[in-house]
N, C-alpha and C. Protein backbone atom coordinates (compact mmCIF):
# COMPACT_ATOMS: atom_id res chain seq x y z
N UNK A 1 -75.37 25.60 -62.36
CA UNK A 1 -75.58 24.34 -61.69
C UNK A 1 -75.16 24.51 -60.23
N UNK A 2 -75.95 24.01 -59.36
CA UNK A 2 -75.64 24.04 -57.93
C UNK A 2 -75.54 22.62 -57.42
N UNK A 3 -74.48 22.37 -56.66
CA UNK A 3 -74.25 21.03 -56.12
C UNK A 3 -74.20 21.14 -54.61
N UNK A 4 -75.00 20.34 -53.95
CA UNK A 4 -75.01 20.33 -52.50
C UNK A 4 -74.65 18.93 -52.02
N UNK A 5 -74.03 18.86 -50.87
CA UNK A 5 -73.70 17.54 -50.35
C UNK A 5 -72.91 17.65 -49.07
N UNK A 6 -72.44 16.52 -48.62
CA UNK A 6 -71.69 16.44 -47.38
C UNK A 6 -70.49 15.54 -47.61
N UNK A 7 -69.34 15.97 -47.11
CA UNK A 7 -68.13 15.17 -47.21
C UNK A 7 -68.04 14.30 -45.97
N UNK A 8 -67.80 13.00 -46.19
CA UNK A 8 -67.68 12.07 -45.07
C UNK A 8 -66.37 11.31 -45.19
N UNK A 9 -65.84 10.87 -44.04
CA UNK A 9 -64.63 10.06 -44.06
C UNK A 9 -64.99 8.60 -44.33
N UNK A 10 -63.97 7.74 -44.30
CA UNK A 10 -64.22 6.33 -44.65
C UNK A 10 -65.09 5.60 -43.63
N UNK A 11 -65.27 6.21 -42.45
CA UNK A 11 -66.13 5.62 -41.42
C UNK A 11 -67.52 6.23 -41.41
N UNK A 12 -67.83 7.02 -42.46
CA UNK A 12 -69.14 7.65 -42.65
C UNK A 12 -69.39 8.80 -41.67
N UNK A 13 -68.33 9.36 -41.10
CA UNK A 13 -68.47 10.52 -40.22
C UNK A 13 -68.38 11.79 -41.03
N UNK A 14 -69.29 12.74 -40.81
CA UNK A 14 -69.23 14.00 -41.55
C UNK A 14 -67.94 14.76 -41.24
N UNK A 15 -67.35 15.34 -42.27
CA UNK A 15 -66.14 16.14 -42.12
C UNK A 15 -66.53 17.61 -42.24
N UNK A 16 -66.20 18.39 -41.24
CA UNK A 16 -66.53 19.82 -41.25
C UNK A 16 -65.37 20.61 -41.83
N UNK A 17 -65.70 21.79 -42.32
CA UNK A 17 -64.70 22.73 -42.86
C UNK A 17 -63.89 22.16 -44.02
N UNK A 18 -64.52 21.33 -44.84
CA UNK A 18 -63.86 20.79 -46.03
C UNK A 18 -64.36 21.57 -47.23
N UNK A 19 -63.43 21.97 -48.06
CA UNK A 19 -63.78 22.70 -49.28
C UNK A 19 -63.52 21.78 -50.47
N UNK A 20 -64.51 21.64 -51.33
CA UNK A 20 -64.39 20.81 -52.52
C UNK A 20 -64.34 21.74 -53.72
N UNK A 21 -63.34 21.57 -54.53
CA UNK A 21 -63.17 22.42 -55.72
C UNK A 21 -63.33 21.54 -56.96
N UNK A 22 -64.18 21.96 -57.85
CA UNK A 22 -64.40 21.22 -59.10
C UNK A 22 -63.85 22.02 -60.26
N UNK A 23 -63.15 21.35 -61.14
CA UNK A 23 -62.66 22.02 -62.34
C UNK A 23 -63.79 22.14 -63.34
N UNK A 24 -63.69 23.13 -64.16
CA UNK A 24 -64.70 23.33 -65.20
C UNK A 24 -64.64 22.17 -66.20
N UNK A 25 -65.78 21.56 -66.43
CA UNK A 25 -65.87 20.47 -67.41
C UNK A 25 -67.08 20.73 -68.31
N UNK A 26 -67.03 20.18 -69.47
CA UNK A 26 -68.14 20.34 -70.42
C UNK A 26 -69.26 19.40 -70.02
N UNK A 27 -70.34 19.96 -69.51
CA UNK A 27 -71.45 19.14 -69.02
C UNK A 27 -72.64 19.11 -69.96
N UNK A 28 -72.65 19.93 -70.95
CA UNK A 28 -73.86 20.05 -71.77
C UNK A 28 -74.19 18.80 -72.56
N UNK A 29 -73.24 17.89 -72.73
CA UNK A 29 -73.50 16.67 -73.48
C UNK A 29 -73.93 15.50 -72.60
N UNK A 30 -74.08 15.76 -71.31
CA UNK A 30 -74.41 14.69 -70.37
C UNK A 30 -75.79 14.92 -69.75
N UNK A 31 -76.45 13.83 -69.43
CA UNK A 31 -77.69 13.92 -68.66
C UNK A 31 -77.33 14.06 -67.19
N UNK A 32 -78.27 14.56 -66.39
CA UNK A 32 -78.02 14.78 -64.97
C UNK A 32 -77.56 13.50 -64.27
N UNK A 33 -78.16 12.36 -64.62
CA UNK A 33 -77.79 11.10 -63.99
C UNK A 33 -76.33 10.74 -64.29
N UNK A 34 -75.90 11.01 -65.51
CA UNK A 34 -74.52 10.71 -65.89
C UNK A 34 -73.54 11.61 -65.14
N UNK A 35 -73.90 12.87 -64.98
CA UNK A 35 -73.05 13.81 -64.25
C UNK A 35 -72.91 13.37 -62.80
N UNK A 36 -74.03 13.04 -62.17
CA UNK A 36 -73.99 12.62 -60.77
C UNK A 36 -73.19 11.33 -60.61
N UNK A 37 -73.30 10.43 -61.55
CA UNK A 37 -72.54 9.19 -61.50
C UNK A 37 -71.04 9.45 -61.60
N UNK A 38 -70.65 10.34 -62.52
CA UNK A 38 -69.24 10.68 -62.68
C UNK A 38 -68.70 11.35 -61.42
N UNK A 39 -69.48 12.25 -60.84
CA UNK A 39 -69.04 12.95 -59.63
C UNK A 39 -68.95 11.98 -58.46
N UNK A 40 -69.86 11.06 -58.37
CA UNK A 40 -69.85 10.07 -57.29
C UNK A 40 -68.57 9.23 -57.36
N UNK A 41 -68.17 8.84 -58.56
CA UNK A 41 -66.95 8.05 -58.73
C UNK A 41 -65.73 8.85 -58.28
N UNK A 42 -65.70 10.13 -58.60
CA UNK A 42 -64.58 10.97 -58.18
C UNK A 42 -64.50 11.07 -56.69
N UNK A 43 -65.63 11.39 -56.03
CA UNK A 43 -65.62 11.57 -54.59
C UNK A 43 -65.37 10.26 -53.85
N UNK A 44 -65.82 9.15 -54.39
CA UNK A 44 -65.59 7.85 -53.75
C UNK A 44 -64.12 7.44 -53.83
N UNK A 45 -63.40 8.01 -54.78
CA UNK A 45 -61.99 7.66 -54.93
C UNK A 45 -61.08 8.48 -54.02
N UNK A 46 -61.64 9.47 -53.34
CA UNK A 46 -60.82 10.31 -52.44
C UNK A 46 -60.50 9.62 -51.15
């Protein structure tokens, strides 16, 4: 799985040189939409 995106601050400005690390999770039981929704919730909480 490949994930592409951009990290932005709370003012919607792109943040450069940010590294995002994801822990291994069991994804085979989820549809792509569910995975993206879960990831969106995580990143929005940062």
